[in-house]
Structures are given as C-alpha cells and as structure tokens.
Amino acid sequence: MMSTDRLVRKFKDEAVAVYYIENEEVPSDVKRYVVSTRDTRDLMNHPEIINCDFTNLMGNGVTNALKGINMLERLSCINSKFVNVYHILRGGLNFQVRNALRKAFGYKWHSSSYISSQRVLKEGRFEISEDYYRKFLVPNNATIYTADIVASGVSLDHGFEYINKYLESQNLQLKNMIFITIGCIEAEHVLSKWHKIFKQKFPGYERSILIYLEGRFALAKKDTLLYNFLYDTDLLENYKLGALLTPEFEHAQFDKMIIGLEACAIYDGGKKGFEPVNHVKDILEFWEKQLAVAKSKNISLWDEYNARFPLDMYFSDIDNLKAGSPEILERNKSKYWGGLIKEEYSKLYAKFKWLWSDVRIQAARVPGSFLQVCEKKIKYLKSLIENVE
C-alpha cells in the first residue's frame, strides 16, 4: 500500500539533509524526521563495509544527523546531566550515540544504560528470547536517546516497556524520548504507542522524536512479491510497498547497478558490526538463492531490479520504454517529496540515465540476464571470506 506521507525538506548543508514526514490527513503526535548523510548512505549501499569501518561511518552519520536535527529541535540546549543513552544490545551499539552526542553538542555528563534484547521466531511470530543483561542509572526528568535497527518492532517495544517499568519503580520522571533508527513504519507505531503512555504517566513529558536514517523502508511480509526475502526482517526500498526514501539516498542508488538489487537496506546490523564473516555469509546465502532462481526462472536483470527498486517514475511510460524527463520525474515525485529545486530533479534524472542508458536497458531486458549478475556477486563475496571455514 502506498504511503500518503510526504518528505518535506527543512534543512540542508554539505553534511546533512533533514526532512520532516508530513501528512495533513493524519497528524502524528510523534515528530518524524528522515535524515540523509554521506556516511549513512555509504554504509547502507555497500554491505561489504563491516566491523569498525561500519560503526565509524555510523557514528559520523549519527553525529551529523543530530547536528541537522538540532537546527530544528535545539537539542543542544538540554543539560547533559539529564541525558541518558539507552543501549539496546547489541545492535544499538553500532549507532555510537554516546560519542555522537559528545561530538555534536559537546555533551560531557550524559550517562548510559544497557539492556540485551534478542528476538527469535516462534510459531510464526517474533518474541524476545534473551534480555538478562540490564544496567540502568537514569536521572530524574531524563531525556533518553536510544537507537536500533527496527523491522518487526518487537525489540523496540520490549525496550520501551522495560524503561517504563524502571522509571516507575524508581519514581522517576521522563521528559523527552529521541529514537534513531534504520527501519520501517513499525518504529513509529511502537513509539506512538509509548508516546501516549508517557504523556499520560509523566506530567512534564514534552516530546517524542523519531529520526530515520536515509528513509523509512518497507518491511517484507509473507505475501511480498519477491523471489527471495525474509519476512518481518528485510527492509526494502520499493516505494510501491511503502518505502519513503530521501532524494539523496535515491541519487546514491544509481552509483552502481548492484545497490538496488540487495536483499535488505542494512542486513543484520549486529552481525555486520560484530560478526563480519557471518554477515558476509548471510549475504552470500541470499545471492546463492538468487542464482538458483535466476537459473530456474530465466529472469531478466530488468525485471528483478524493478521488483526491488521500481523505475517507473523516470519514464513517461515504462511498459513501452517511453523516455521521461526531469519535469516528468518532478511531477511524479512531488507526491513524495517537497522543498527541492528543479536543478535537483535534473541531476537525479541525469544520474539515472548515466546508470540506465538505452543500451543497458535493452541488455537488461534479455531473459536470463540476471544470471551473470548473481555469478559475479557470488564470486566477489567468496573472495572476501576465502580461507575461512
């Protein structure tokens, strides 16, 4: 189902672009932002970025994201003695929020809390299987920052439930909740639920802020029309499935053909940061499944690409390959984006044409043309983990 939400640019400089998610029909109590930075674009578009390189880029991206949000929300004015960084282990560690607050705002006194949270699939639903490690020291009238990758939203809901019980048991008040994520709409469903609870329970509660990095992605479901995917896990870039991407992130999709063909916008952040070999094995497993489909179904590169990253907005008629233009692109995208200038649509359309020339489109439409892409990707992934059992 297509979203009626729209990204409206509120701030942009060389380091960061900040968009507000607007919906005049259904106003949200939660302030919803989508932020784009060069570092977060790189770490998401190139899944071979792993371990410390991954977390360093994430930390840089979150730092710039906070600086951009600060232009609108004045977060730097909050006394850091009342700030707590709530780490949902282990994926939340990748976001480097503690360091980012120091770099962005000069915070010195902010404290940290930790909770482990591991989801498992039981009888078709995700549940929390492990949450034994907990270390909390939250100040009164706290502003809490937390971050995690959100797919089903189970871990996030569990994390908010625990912090709510903790504050209640310690007779503490909550003032603000700021959540940073690479995720889907489930993040705002969970945060909206807890926003209402926090407003009712804590008299001084002011605001809930949700910060998506690069886009609000679509979540794969059991009936998603793709050959290979993990339902309630994979974050997809297909706008027809509900994805809402920043213009900067979409522009970066056309850096390389392979970017739009990946299984997930981020894959497993915990493995990517802390189990790099297993992360690459997960990507390899996906592409080996894609290879099997490419052989059995004789599918074209064009069909698979458009299933994951539809290009119809770049054409006047994609079915008949009638060329589009920057003006047509602007008209099509205006439903989803606001605050851009015409030159940006011209640059985006030119970047699309650079990747998808007429010659390349014709080659990509040949049945079976996806096979070679799979073979090349598999060879590359195997080279990354050769000599590893």
Protein backbone atom coordinates (compact mmCIF):
# COMPACT_ATOMS: atom_id res chain seq x y z
CA MET A 1 0.00 0.00 0.00
CA MET A 2 1.41 3.38 -0.97
CA SER A 3 2.05 5.86 1.79
CA THR A 4 0.30 9.24 1.87
CA ASP A 5 3.18 10.60 3.93
CA ARG A 6 5.49 13.11 2.26
CA LEU A 7 9.08 14.16 2.93
CA VAL A 8 9.47 17.92 3.17
CA ARG A 9 12.99 19.29 3.38
CA LYS A 10 13.57 21.50 6.40
CA PHE A 11 17.35 21.90 6.38
CA LYS A 12 20.30 21.06 4.17
CA ASP A 13 24.01 21.80 4.14
CA GLU A 14 27.08 19.96 2.85
CA ALA A 15 26.96 17.38 5.65
CA VAL A 16 23.27 16.61 6.16
CA ALA A 17 19.78 16.91 4.72
CA VAL A 18 16.82 16.88 7.12
CA TYR A 19 13.26 16.05 6.08
CA TYR A 20 10.07 16.11 8.09
CA ILE A 21 7.43 13.47 7.41
CA GLU A 22 4.20 15.35 6.82
CA ASN A 23 0.69 14.02 6.47
CA GLU A 24 -2.10 16.57 6.58
CA GLU A 25 -4.75 13.86 6.75
CA VAL A 26 -3.29 12.04 9.75
CA PRO A 27 -1.22 14.33 12.01
CA SER A 28 1.27 12.50 14.22
CA ASP A 29 1.99 13.25 17.87
CA VAL A 30 5.50 11.95 17.28
CA LYS A 31 7.89 14.25 15.43
CA ARG A 32 9.08 12.16 12.49
CA TYR A 33 12.26 13.05 10.61
CA VAL A 34 14.27 11.39 7.86
CA VAL A 35 17.92 12.41 7.69
CA SER A 36 20.49 11.75 4.98
CA THR A 37 24.28 11.91 5.32
CA ARG A 38 27.10 10.73 3.10
CA ASP A 39 28.33 8.25 5.71
CA THR A 40 24.99 6.56 6.27
CA ARG A 41 24.40 6.36 2.52
CA ASP A 42 27.75 4.63 2.08
CA LEU A 43 27.34 2.11 4.88
CA MET A 44 23.87 1.13 3.65
CA ASN A 45 24.65 0.98 -0.06
CA HIS A 46 27.81 -1.08 0.35
CA PRO A 47 27.10 -4.09 2.60
CA GLU A 48 30.74 -5.18 2.43
CA ILE A 49 31.54 -2.28 4.80
CA ILE A 50 31.92 -4.15 8.10
CA ASN A 51 33.19 -4.11 11.67
CA CYS A 52 34.91 -0.92 12.83
CA ASP A 53 34.55 0.75 9.43
CA PHE A 54 30.81 0.21 9.69
CA THR A 55 30.49 1.58 13.22
CA ASN A 56 32.79 4.52 12.47
CA LEU A 57 30.69 5.56 9.48
CA MET A 58 27.54 5.12 11.54
CA GLY A 59 28.94 7.28 14.31
CA ASN A 60 29.87 10.02 11.86
CA GLY A 61 26.45 9.83 10.25
CA VAL A 62 24.57 9.99 13.54
CA THR A 63 26.73 12.94 14.63
CA ASN A 64 25.79 14.90 11.50
CA ALA A 65 22.17 13.78 11.79
CA LEU A 66 21.98 15.18 15.32
CA LYS A 67 23.55 18.45 14.19
CA GLY A 68 20.93 18.75 11.47
CA ILE A 69 18.02 17.93 13.79
CA ASN A 70 19.41 20.42 16.27
CA MET A 71 18.72 23.23 13.81
CA LEU A 72 15.02 22.46 14.28
CA GLU A 73 14.74 20.98 17.78
CA ARG A 74 17.53 22.73 19.74
CA LEU A 75 18.60 19.51 21.43
CA SER A 76 21.97 21.01 22.30
CA CYS A 77 20.23 23.26 24.84
CA ILE A 78 19.36 20.27 27.04
CA ASN A 79 21.62 19.94 30.08
CA SER A 80 23.67 16.78 29.55
CA LYS A 81 23.36 15.87 33.24
CA PHE A 82 19.74 14.96 32.45
CA VAL A 83 20.59 12.92 29.34
CA ASN A 84 20.81 9.13 29.26
CA VAL A 85 21.81 6.97 26.29
CA TYR A 86 19.82 3.75 26.36
CA HIS A 87 21.68 0.97 24.53
CA ILE A 88 19.63 -1.95 23.23
CA LEU A 89 22.28 -4.64 22.87
CA ARG A 90 23.92 -5.42 20.69
CA GLY A 91 22.79 -3.72 17.50
CA GLY A 92 22.23 -0.40 19.25
CA LEU A 93 25.96 -0.13 19.95
CA ASN A 94 26.61 0.35 16.24
CA PHE A 95 24.96 3.77 16.26
CA GLN A 96 27.60 5.25 18.60
CA VAL A 97 25.04 7.65 20.10
CA ARG A 98 27.09 8.31 23.24
CA ASN A 99 30.05 9.54 21.20
CA ALA A 100 27.85 11.32 18.68
CA LEU A 101 26.25 13.46 21.39
CA ARG A 102 29.70 14.46 22.59
CA LYS A 103 30.84 15.39 19.07
CA ALA A 104 27.61 17.08 18.02
CA PHE A 105 26.74 19.05 21.16
CA GLY A 106 29.78 18.86 23.42
CA TYR A 107 27.85 16.81 25.99
CA LYS A 108 30.02 15.84 28.95
CA TRP A 109 27.76 14.47 31.68
CA HIS A 110 25.38 12.16 29.80
CA SER A 111 25.08 8.67 31.27
CA SER A 112 24.49 5.26 29.67
CA SER A 113 22.14 2.35 30.28
CA TYR A 114 22.09 -1.11 28.73
CA ILE A 115 19.67 -3.94 28.05
CA SER A 116 20.18 -7.08 25.99
CA SER A 117 17.44 -7.98 23.53
CA GLN A 118 17.43 -10.91 21.13
CA ARG A 119 14.37 -11.80 19.09
CA VAL A 120 13.53 -15.33 17.91
CA LEU A 121 10.82 -16.67 15.63
CA LYS A 122 8.26 -18.81 17.46
CA GLU A 123 5.16 -20.19 15.76
CA GLY A 124 5.33 -17.55 13.05
CA ARG A 125 5.85 -14.57 15.38
CA PHE A 126 8.93 -12.87 16.77
CA GLU A 127 9.42 -12.91 20.54
CA ILE A 128 12.20 -11.80 22.89
CA SER A 129 14.31 -14.77 23.97
CA GLU A 130 17.16 -13.13 25.87
CA ASP A 131 17.08 -9.95 27.95
CA TYR A 132 19.03 -10.92 31.05
CA TYR A 133 21.69 -8.22 31.00
CA ARG A 134 20.46 -4.89 32.36
CA LYS A 135 22.43 -1.96 33.72
CA PHE A 136 20.50 1.22 34.43
CA LEU A 137 21.22 4.56 36.01
CA VAL A 138 18.75 7.09 34.61
CA PRO A 139 18.49 10.65 36.01
CA ASN A 140 15.20 12.21 37.03
CA ASN A 141 13.44 14.32 34.35
CA ALA A 142 15.51 12.46 31.80
CA THR A 143 15.91 12.96 28.09
CA ILE A 144 16.59 9.49 26.76
CA TYR A 145 18.33 8.78 23.48
CA THR A 146 18.23 5.29 22.03
CA ALA A 147 18.89 3.73 18.64
CA ASP A 148 18.41 0.41 16.91
CA ILE A 149 17.52 -1.19 13.60
CA VAL A 150 13.76 -1.76 13.50
CA ALA A 151 11.97 -4.41 11.45
CA SER A 152 9.12 -6.09 13.33
CA GLY A 153 9.44 -3.63 16.24
CA VAL A 154 9.43 -6.38 18.88
CA SER A 155 12.80 -5.46 20.41
CA LEU A 156 11.95 -1.76 20.49
CA ASP A 157 8.59 -2.34 22.17
CA HIS A 158 10.27 -4.56 24.74
CA GLY A 159 12.93 -1.92 25.37
CA PHE A 160 10.35 0.83 25.98
CA GLU A 161 8.34 -1.45 28.25
CA TYR A 162 11.38 -2.06 30.40
CA ILE A 163 12.37 1.60 30.67
CA ASN A 164 8.80 2.47 31.61
CA LYS A 165 8.80 -0.09 34.43
CA TYR A 166 12.21 1.07 35.59
CA LEU A 167 11.19 4.72 35.80
CA GLU A 168 8.04 3.74 37.64
CA SER A 169 9.92 1.57 40.15
CA GLN A 170 12.41 4.38 40.86
CA ASN A 171 9.72 7.10 40.97
CA LEU A 172 11.50 9.00 38.19
CA GLN A 173 10.07 11.37 35.59
CA LEU A 174 10.68 11.32 31.83
CA LYS A 175 10.91 14.48 29.75
CA ASN A 176 11.89 13.53 26.18
CA MET A 177 12.46 10.40 24.10
CA ILE A 178 14.64 10.56 20.98
CA PHE A 179 14.92 7.41 18.89
CA ILE A 180 17.30 6.97 15.93
CA THR A 181 16.81 4.10 13.52
CA ILE A 182 17.37 2.40 10.23
CA GLY A 183 13.92 0.95 9.97
CA CYS A 184 10.34 0.80 8.80
CA ILE A 185 6.97 2.22 9.84
CA GLU A 186 6.81 -0.20 12.78
CA ALA A 187 9.24 2.15 14.56
CA GLU A 188 6.66 4.93 14.65
CA HIS A 189 3.85 2.55 15.51
CA VAL A 190 5.78 1.49 18.62
CA LEU A 191 6.94 4.99 19.52
CA SER A 192 3.44 6.44 19.05
CA LYS A 193 2.06 3.82 21.43
CA TRP A 194 4.60 4.71 24.10
CA HIS A 195 4.31 8.45 23.45
CA LYS A 196 0.68 8.26 24.56
CA ILE A 197 1.65 6.27 27.66
CA PHE A 198 4.46 8.67 28.54
CA LYS A 199 2.20 11.72 28.12
CA GLN A 200 -0.36 10.22 30.48
CA LYS A 201 2.11 8.98 33.07
CA PHE A 202 4.67 11.79 33.23
CA PRO A 203 3.21 15.33 33.70
CA GLY A 204 6.35 17.02 32.39
CA TYR A 205 6.75 14.88 29.30
CA GLU A 206 7.39 17.12 26.28
CA ARG A 207 8.12 15.30 23.04
CA SER A 208 8.97 12.11 21.21
CA ILE A 209 11.30 12.45 18.24
CA LEU A 210 11.88 9.72 15.67
CA ILE A 211 14.87 10.02 13.37
CA TYR A 212 15.05 7.66 10.39
CA LEU A 213 18.38 7.41 8.59
CA GLU A 214 18.08 7.68 4.76
CA GLY A 215 14.50 6.54 4.53
CA ARG A 216 11.54 4.85 6.08
CA PHE A 217 11.87 1.47 4.44
CA ALA A 218 9.21 -1.08 3.60
CA LEU A 219 9.10 -4.28 5.61
CA ALA A 220 8.95 -7.58 3.74
CA LYS A 221 5.79 -9.54 4.52
CA LYS A 222 4.79 -13.15 3.84
CA ASP A 223 2.93 -12.09 0.69
CA THR A 224 5.63 -9.76 -0.69
CA LEU A 225 6.09 -10.38 -4.42
CA LEU A 226 9.81 -11.16 -4.48
CA TYR A 227 11.58 -14.43 -5.12
CA ASN A 228 13.81 -14.37 -2.02
CA PHE A 229 13.28 -12.44 1.19
CA LEU A 230 12.99 -12.77 4.96
CA TYR A 231 9.55 -11.64 6.08
CA ASP A 232 9.35 -9.27 9.06
CA THR A 233 13.12 -8.83 8.67
CA ASP A 234 14.20 -7.41 5.30
CA LEU A 235 13.95 -3.64 4.86
CA LEU A 236 13.03 -2.93 1.25
CA GLU A 237 13.47 0.18 -0.93
CA ASN A 238 10.39 -0.32 -3.12
CA TYR A 239 8.12 2.74 -2.88
CA LYS A 240 5.18 0.65 -4.09
CA LEU A 241 5.50 -1.36 -0.89
CA GLY A 242 5.58 1.80 1.22
CA ALA A 243 9.24 2.86 1.25
CA LEU A 244 9.85 6.60 1.58
CA LEU A 245 13.44 7.44 0.62
CA THR A 246 15.32 10.73 0.71
CA PRO A 247 16.31 12.23 -2.67
CA GLU A 248 19.97 11.99 -1.66
CA PHE A 249 19.67 8.28 -0.91
CA GLU A 250 17.82 7.66 -4.17
CA HIS A 251 20.50 9.54 -6.09
CA ALA A 252 23.13 7.26 -4.50
CA GLN A 253 21.26 4.14 -5.66
CA PHE A 254 22.46 4.92 -9.15
CA ASP A 255 26.16 4.80 -8.21
CA LYS A 256 26.22 1.08 -9.03
CA MET A 257 23.77 -1.38 -10.52
CA ILE A 258 24.17 -3.88 -7.68
CA ILE A 259 22.96 -1.46 -4.98
CA GLY A 260 19.30 -1.68 -5.93
CA LEU A 261 19.43 -5.48 -6.05
CA GLU A 262 20.48 -6.21 -2.46
CA ALA A 263 18.15 -8.15 -0.19
CA CYS A 264 17.93 -5.54 2.54
CA ALA A 265 18.83 -1.89 3.05
CA ILE A 266 21.05 -2.82 6.02
CA TYR A 267 21.00 -6.61 6.63
CA ASP A 268 21.75 -7.71 10.24
CA GLY A 269 23.43 -4.77 11.97
CA GLY A 270 24.66 -6.86 14.88
CA LYS A 271 26.44 -9.30 12.61
CA LYS A 272 27.72 -6.53 10.35
CA GLY A 273 29.31 -4.76 13.31
CA PHE A 274 30.45 -7.69 15.43
CA GLU A 275 30.40 -10.89 13.31
CA PRO A 276 31.69 -9.70 9.93
CA VAL A 277 32.39 -13.16 8.50
CA ASN A 278 28.90 -14.39 9.38
CA HIS A 279 27.47 -11.19 7.90
CA VAL A 280 29.16 -11.88 4.57
CA LYS A 281 27.97 -15.50 4.72
CA ASP A 282 24.39 -14.22 5.12
CA ILE A 283 24.75 -12.03 2.03
CA LEU A 284 26.31 -14.95 0.15
CA GLU A 285 23.38 -17.18 1.11
CA PHE A 286 20.93 -14.66 -0.32
CA TRP A 287 22.81 -14.36 -3.60
CA GLU A 288 23.14 -18.14 -3.94
CA LYS A 289 19.35 -18.35 -3.62
CA GLN A 290 19.06 -15.61 -6.24
CA LEU A 291 21.37 -17.59 -8.53
CA ALA A 292 19.14 -20.65 -8.20
CA VAL A 293 16.09 -18.57 -9.12
CA ALA A 294 17.92 -16.91 -12.00
CA LYS A 295 18.67 -20.35 -13.42
CA SER A 296 15.26 -21.90 -12.87
CA LYS A 297 13.11 -18.90 -13.83
CA ASN A 298 15.35 -17.43 -16.56
CA ILE A 299 14.54 -13.97 -15.20
CA SER A 300 15.92 -10.74 -16.59
CA LEU A 301 18.01 -8.21 -14.72
CA TRP A 302 15.41 -5.56 -15.62
CA ASP A 303 12.53 -7.45 -14.00
CA GLU A 304 14.43 -8.23 -10.80
CA TYR A 305 15.73 -4.68 -10.47
CA ASN A 306 12.28 -3.13 -10.88
CA ALA A 307 10.80 -5.59 -8.40
CA ARG A 308 13.15 -4.22 -5.76
CA PHE A 309 13.68 -0.63 -6.92
CA PRO A 310 10.92 0.44 -9.37
CA LEU A 311 12.00 2.89 -12.08
CA ASP A 312 8.58 3.80 -13.47
CA MET A 313 8.75 7.41 -12.21
CA TYR A 314 11.71 8.01 -14.54
CA PHE A 315 9.64 7.19 -17.64
CA SER A 316 6.59 8.64 -19.28
CA ASP A 317 5.55 5.01 -19.94
CA ILE A 318 7.88 2.33 -18.60
CA ASP A 319 5.96 -0.58 -20.14
CA ASN A 320 6.67 0.80 -23.61
CA LEU A 321 10.03 2.32 -22.59
CA LYS A 322 8.90 5.83 -23.45
CA ALA A 323 11.53 8.20 -22.12
CA GLY A 324 10.86 10.51 -19.24
CA SER A 325 12.41 13.85 -18.35
CA PRO A 326 13.35 15.88 -15.27
CA GLU A 327 9.94 17.55 -15.49
CA ILE A 328 8.10 14.21 -15.54
CA LEU A 329 10.23 12.98 -12.66
CA GLU A 330 9.42 16.10 -10.64
CA ARG A 331 5.72 15.69 -11.31
CA ASN A 332 5.80 12.03 -10.26
CA LYS A 333 7.91 12.63 -7.17
CA SER A 334 6.03 15.68 -5.90
CA LYS A 335 3.62 13.34 -4.14
CA TYR A 336 6.52 12.10 -2.01
CA TRP A 337 9.00 14.99 -1.83
CA GLY A 338 8.73 18.69 -1.07
CA GLY A 339 11.24 21.53 -0.82
CA LEU A 340 13.51 20.53 -3.72
CA ILE A 341 14.55 22.81 -6.54
CA LYS A 342 14.27 21.92 -10.26
CA GLU A 343 18.03 21.53 -10.62
CA GLU A 344 17.96 18.61 -8.19
CA TYR A 345 15.47 16.72 -10.34
CA SER A 346 17.68 17.36 -13.36
CA LYS A 347 20.70 15.94 -11.54
CA LEU A 348 18.74 12.93 -10.32
CA TYR A 349 17.37 12.19 -13.78
CA ALA A 350 20.85 12.56 -15.30
CA LYS A 351 22.26 10.13 -12.72
CA PHE A 352 19.53 7.62 -13.58
CA LYS A 353 20.32 7.93 -17.31
CA TRP A 354 24.01 7.50 -16.57
CA LEU A 355 23.33 4.11 -14.99
CA TRP A 356 20.38 3.07 -17.14
CA SER A 357 21.34 4.01 -20.68
CA ASP A 358 19.14 2.78 -23.52
CA VAL A 359 21.77 0.19 -24.43
CA ARG A 360 21.96 -1.13 -20.88
CA ILE A 361 18.18 -1.31 -20.57
CA GLN A 362 17.95 -3.40 -23.73
CA ALA A 363 20.63 -5.78 -22.44
CA ALA A 364 18.97 -5.99 -19.02
CA ARG A 365 15.62 -6.96 -20.58
CA VAL A 366 17.04 -10.12 -22.14
CA PRO A 367 15.65 -13.24 -20.42
CA GLY A 368 18.30 -14.84 -18.21
CA SER A 369 20.41 -11.67 -17.96
CA PHE A 370 20.19 -11.69 -14.16
CA LEU A 371 22.28 -14.88 -14.01
CA GLN A 372 25.60 -13.19 -14.77
CA VAL A 373 25.00 -10.55 -12.08
CA CYS A 374 24.45 -13.27 -9.48
CA GLU A 375 27.57 -15.17 -10.51
CA LYS A 376 29.73 -12.05 -10.35
CA LYS A 377 28.39 -11.06 -6.92
CA ILE A 378 28.91 -14.57 -5.52
CA LYS A 379 32.49 -14.68 -6.78
CA TYR A 380 33.19 -11.36 -5.09
CA LEU A 381 31.64 -12.39 -1.76
CA LYS A 382 33.54 -15.66 -1.70
CA SER A 383 36.79 -13.78 -2.24
CA LEU A 384 36.09 -11.76 0.93
CA ILE A 385 35.90 -14.81 3.16
CA GLU A 386 38.26 -17.22 1.43
CA ASN A 387 40.32 -19.39 3.76
CA VAL A 388 37.67 -19.00 6.45
CA GLU A 389 35.93 -22.22 7.45
